[in-house]
N, C-alpha and C. Protein backbone atom coordinates (compact mmCIF):
# COMPACT_ATOMS: atom_id res chain seq x y z
N UNK A 1 -4.03 59.89 21.91
CA UNK A 1 -3.72 59.46 20.58
C UNK A 1 -4.99 59.43 19.73
N UNK A 2 -5.64 60.52 19.67
CA UNK A 2 -6.87 60.60 18.92
C UNK A 2 -6.61 60.35 17.45
N UNK A 3 -7.41 59.52 16.85
CA UNK A 3 -7.27 59.21 15.45
C UNK A 3 -6.36 58.04 15.14
N UNK A 4 -5.66 57.53 16.13
CA UNK A 4 -4.80 56.37 15.90
C UNK A 4 -5.66 55.12 15.74
N UNK A 5 -5.29 54.25 14.80
CA UNK A 5 -6.07 53.02 14.63
C UNK A 5 -5.93 52.13 15.86
N UNK A 6 -7.04 51.58 16.28
CA UNK A 6 -7.05 50.73 17.47
C UNK A 6 -7.57 49.35 17.11
N UNK A 7 -7.11 48.38 17.88
CA UNK A 7 -7.54 47.01 17.66
C UNK A 7 -7.34 46.21 18.93
N UNK A 8 -7.34 44.91 18.79
CA UNK A 8 -7.13 44.00 19.91
C UNK A 8 -5.95 43.10 19.63
N UNK A 9 -5.19 42.80 20.67
CA UNK A 9 -4.07 41.87 20.54
C UNK A 9 -4.61 40.52 20.07
N UNK A 10 -3.95 39.94 19.09
CA UNK A 10 -4.38 38.66 18.55
C UNK A 10 -4.17 37.49 19.49
N UNK A 11 -3.46 37.73 20.59
CA UNK A 11 -3.21 36.63 21.53
C UNK A 11 -4.04 36.79 22.80
N UNK A 12 -3.88 37.91 23.49
CA UNK A 12 -4.56 38.08 24.78
C UNK A 12 -5.84 38.89 24.70
N UNK A 13 -6.05 39.59 23.59
CA UNK A 13 -7.27 40.37 23.44
C UNK A 13 -7.22 41.77 24.01
N UNK A 14 -6.08 42.19 24.54
CA UNK A 14 -5.94 43.53 25.10
C UNK A 14 -6.10 44.58 24.00
N UNK A 15 -6.65 45.74 24.36
CA UNK A 15 -6.77 46.84 23.42
C UNK A 15 -5.39 47.39 23.09
N UNK A 16 -5.10 47.59 21.80
CA UNK A 16 -3.81 48.11 21.38
C UNK A 16 -4.00 49.20 20.34
N UNK A 17 -2.99 50.07 20.21
CA UNK A 17 -2.93 51.02 19.13
C UNK A 17 -2.16 50.31 18.02
N UNK A 18 -2.76 50.22 16.86
CA UNK A 18 -2.17 49.43 15.78
C UNK A 18 -1.22 50.30 14.96
N UNK A 19 0.01 50.40 15.49
CA UNK A 19 1.09 51.11 14.81
C UNK A 19 2.37 50.32 15.02
N UNK A 20 3.40 50.64 14.27
CA UNK A 20 4.69 49.99 14.46
C UNK A 20 4.61 48.48 14.27
N UNK A 21 5.17 47.75 15.22
CA UNK A 21 5.24 46.29 15.13
C UNK A 21 3.85 45.65 15.17
N UNK A 22 2.91 46.32 15.82
CA UNK A 22 1.54 45.76 15.89
C UNK A 22 0.90 45.69 14.51
N UNK A 23 1.33 46.52 13.58
CA UNK A 23 0.83 46.43 12.21
C UNK A 23 1.26 45.12 11.58
N UNK A 24 2.44 44.65 11.93
CA UNK A 24 2.99 43.43 11.34
C UNK A 24 2.41 42.16 11.96
N UNK A 25 2.34 42.16 13.31
CA UNK A 25 1.98 40.90 13.97
C UNK A 25 0.65 40.93 14.72
N UNK A 26 0.07 42.10 14.93
CA UNK A 26 -1.21 42.19 15.62
C UNK A 26 -1.16 41.85 17.09
N UNK A 27 0.05 41.94 17.71
CA UNK A 27 0.21 41.58 19.11
C UNK A 27 0.55 42.80 19.96
N UNK A 28 0.20 42.75 21.24
CA UNK A 28 0.63 43.78 22.18
C UNK A 28 2.10 43.53 22.53
N UNK A 29 2.74 44.48 23.15
CA UNK A 29 4.15 44.36 23.47
C UNK A 29 4.43 43.16 24.37
N UNK A 30 3.60 42.94 25.39
CA UNK A 30 3.80 41.82 26.31
C UNK A 30 3.74 40.48 25.59
N UNK A 31 2.73 40.28 24.74
CA UNK A 31 2.60 39.01 24.02
C UNK A 31 3.73 38.84 23.02
N UNK A 32 4.16 39.93 22.37
CA UNK A 32 5.27 39.85 21.43
C UNK A 32 6.54 39.43 22.15
N UNK A 33 6.80 40.02 23.32
CA UNK A 33 7.98 39.66 24.10
C UNK A 33 7.89 38.23 24.61
N UNK A 34 6.70 37.82 25.04
CA UNK A 34 6.52 36.45 25.52
C UNK A 34 6.79 35.45 24.39
N UNK A 35 6.28 35.74 23.21
CA UNK A 35 6.51 34.86 22.07
C UNK A 35 7.98 34.80 21.71
N UNK A 36 8.65 35.92 21.82
CA UNK A 36 10.08 35.98 21.52
C UNK A 36 10.88 35.13 22.51
N UNK A 37 10.54 35.25 23.79
CA UNK A 37 11.24 34.49 24.83
C UNK A 37 10.99 33.00 24.66
N UNK A 38 9.79 32.64 24.30
CA UNK A 38 9.45 31.23 24.14
C UNK A 38 9.95 30.67 22.81
N UNK A 39 10.46 31.56 21.94
CA UNK A 39 10.96 31.12 20.66
C UNK A 39 9.87 30.74 19.68
N UNK A 40 8.66 31.17 19.97
CA UNK A 40 7.54 30.86 19.11
C UNK A 40 7.50 31.82 17.94
N UNK A 41 6.99 31.36 16.84
CA UNK A 41 6.78 32.25 15.70
C UNK A 41 5.71 33.26 16.09
N UNK A 42 5.90 34.49 15.73
CA UNK A 42 4.95 35.54 16.09
C UNK A 42 3.83 35.55 15.06
N UNK A 43 2.87 34.68 15.30
CA UNK A 43 1.71 34.57 14.43
C UNK A 43 0.48 34.67 15.31
N UNK A 44 -0.30 35.75 15.15
CA UNK A 44 -1.47 35.90 16.01
C UNK A 44 -2.51 34.82 15.74
N UNK A 45 -3.10 34.33 16.79
CA UNK A 45 -4.17 33.34 16.67
C UNK A 45 -5.43 34.05 16.23
N UNK A 46 -6.17 33.45 15.34
CA UNK A 46 -7.37 34.07 14.82
C UNK A 46 -8.60 33.72 15.66
N UNK A 47 -8.58 32.56 16.27
CA UNK A 47 -9.73 32.15 17.08
C UNK A 47 -9.25 31.42 18.31
N UNK A 48 -10.12 31.32 19.29
CA UNK A 48 -9.80 30.60 20.51
C UNK A 48 -9.95 29.11 20.29
N UNK A 49 -9.71 28.33 21.34
CA UNK A 49 -9.90 26.89 21.23
C UNK A 49 -11.33 26.57 20.80
N UNK A 50 -11.49 25.56 20.00
CA UNK A 50 -12.80 25.21 19.45
C UNK A 50 -13.86 25.09 20.53
N UNK A 51 -14.91 25.89 20.41
CA UNK A 51 -16.02 25.83 21.34
C UNK A 51 -15.76 26.42 22.72
N UNK A 52 -14.57 26.95 22.95
CA UNK A 52 -14.22 27.48 24.27
C UNK A 52 -14.64 28.95 24.38
N UNK A 53 -15.62 29.24 25.21
CA UNK A 53 -16.05 30.60 25.41
C UNK A 53 -16.00 31.00 26.88
N UNK A 54 -15.99 30.04 27.78
CA UNK A 54 -15.99 30.32 29.21
C UNK A 54 -14.65 29.95 29.82
N UNK A 55 -14.17 30.82 30.71
CA UNK A 55 -12.89 30.60 31.37
C UNK A 55 -12.90 29.29 32.15
N UNK A 56 -11.82 28.53 31.99
CA UNK A 56 -11.70 27.27 32.72
C UNK A 56 -11.13 27.45 34.12
N UNK A 57 -10.69 28.66 34.44
CA UNK A 57 -10.08 28.91 35.73
C UNK A 57 -8.61 28.56 35.70
N UNK A 58 -7.86 29.06 36.64
CA UNK A 58 -6.41 28.85 36.63
C UNK A 58 -6.05 27.38 36.78
N UNK A 59 -6.83 26.65 37.54
CA UNK A 59 -6.56 25.23 37.76
C UNK A 59 -7.37 24.34 36.84
N UNK A 60 -8.10 24.95 35.90
CA UNK A 60 -8.91 24.16 34.98
C UNK A 60 -10.17 23.59 35.59
N UNK A 61 -10.58 24.16 36.73
CA UNK A 61 -11.75 23.64 37.42
C UNK A 61 -13.07 24.10 36.80
N UNK A 62 -13.01 25.10 35.90
CA UNK A 62 -14.21 25.56 35.21
C UNK A 62 -15.17 26.35 36.06
N UNK A 63 -14.75 26.80 37.21
CA UNK A 63 -15.66 27.49 38.12
C UNK A 63 -15.69 29.01 37.96
N UNK A 64 -14.92 29.56 37.03
CA UNK A 64 -14.83 31.01 36.88
C UNK A 64 -16.11 31.60 36.27
N UNK A 65 -16.45 31.18 35.07
CA UNK A 65 -17.65 31.67 34.42
C UNK A 65 -17.46 32.90 33.55
N UNK A 66 -16.29 33.58 33.63
CA UNK A 66 -16.05 34.73 32.77
C UNK A 66 -15.76 34.26 31.34
N UNK A 67 -15.87 35.18 30.39
CA UNK A 67 -15.56 34.88 29.00
C UNK A 67 -14.05 34.74 28.85
N UNK A 68 -13.60 33.69 28.17
CA UNK A 68 -12.17 33.48 27.98
C UNK A 68 -11.64 34.43 26.92
N UNK A 69 -10.33 34.70 26.98
CA UNK A 69 -9.66 35.55 26.01
C UNK A 69 -9.53 34.82 24.68
N UNK A 70 -9.40 35.58 23.59
CA UNK A 70 -9.16 34.91 22.30
C UNK A 70 -7.88 34.09 22.38
N UNK A 71 -7.88 32.92 21.88
CA UNK A 71 -6.76 31.98 21.83
C UNK A 71 -6.30 31.49 23.19
N UNK A 72 -7.08 31.71 24.22
CA UNK A 72 -6.75 31.24 25.57
C UNK A 72 -7.95 30.51 26.15
N UNK A 73 -7.69 29.69 27.15
CA UNK A 73 -8.79 28.98 27.81
C UNK A 73 -9.16 29.66 29.12
N UNK A 74 -8.55 30.84 29.37
CA UNK A 74 -8.79 31.58 30.61
C UNK A 74 -9.18 33.02 30.32
N UNK A 75 -9.79 33.67 31.31
CA UNK A 75 -10.17 35.08 31.21
C UNK A 75 -8.95 35.96 31.51
N UNK A 76 -9.12 37.26 31.39
CA UNK A 76 -8.03 38.19 31.66
C UNK A 76 -7.50 38.11 33.08
N UNK A 77 -8.38 37.94 34.04
CA UNK A 77 -7.96 37.84 35.44
C UNK A 77 -7.05 36.64 35.65
N UNK A 78 -7.45 35.49 35.14
CA UNK A 78 -6.64 34.29 35.31
C UNK A 78 -5.38 34.32 34.46
N UNK A 79 -5.41 35.00 33.31
CA UNK A 79 -4.20 35.13 32.49
C UNK A 79 -3.15 35.94 33.24
N UNK A 80 -3.57 37.02 33.90
CA UNK A 80 -2.64 37.83 34.69
C UNK A 80 -2.05 36.99 35.81
N UNK A 81 -2.87 36.17 36.46
CA UNK A 81 -2.38 35.29 37.51
C UNK A 81 -1.38 34.27 36.96
N UNK A 82 -1.63 33.75 35.76
CA UNK A 82 -0.69 32.82 35.14
C UNK A 82 0.65 33.51 34.88
N UNK A 83 0.59 34.71 34.34
CA UNK A 83 1.82 35.45 34.04
C UNK A 83 2.57 35.80 35.32
N UNK A 84 1.84 36.17 36.37
CA UNK A 84 2.48 36.50 37.64
C UNK A 84 3.16 35.26 38.23
N UNK A 85 2.56 34.10 38.05
CA UNK A 85 3.14 32.86 38.55
C UNK A 85 4.39 32.48 37.79
N UNK A 86 4.47 32.84 36.49
CA UNK A 86 5.66 32.55 35.70
C UNK A 86 6.83 33.40 36.12
N UNK A 87 6.54 34.63 36.57
CA UNK A 87 7.58 35.56 36.98
C UNK A 87 8.09 35.23 38.36
N UNK A 88 7.20 34.81 39.24
CA UNK A 88 7.57 34.55 40.64
C UNK A 88 8.46 33.37 40.82
């Protein structure tokens, strides 16, 4: 998709092609569907939690050390684990 506008999901920070619904809400398909299921308004977060830059870990123990995702207190690895736990 050469030449397609690219950006980051406003919720999880994943790289997205900004076309279609992403033009409206700035979210990736997974975050858009998650917001829909949760009944949340589809409004992308502009910033993460105040002062939060380091992943707190899945259990909040703070031992991860990776950079947290925008609007999340966890990194991508722990976010995937959270989502996998919700499905299981």
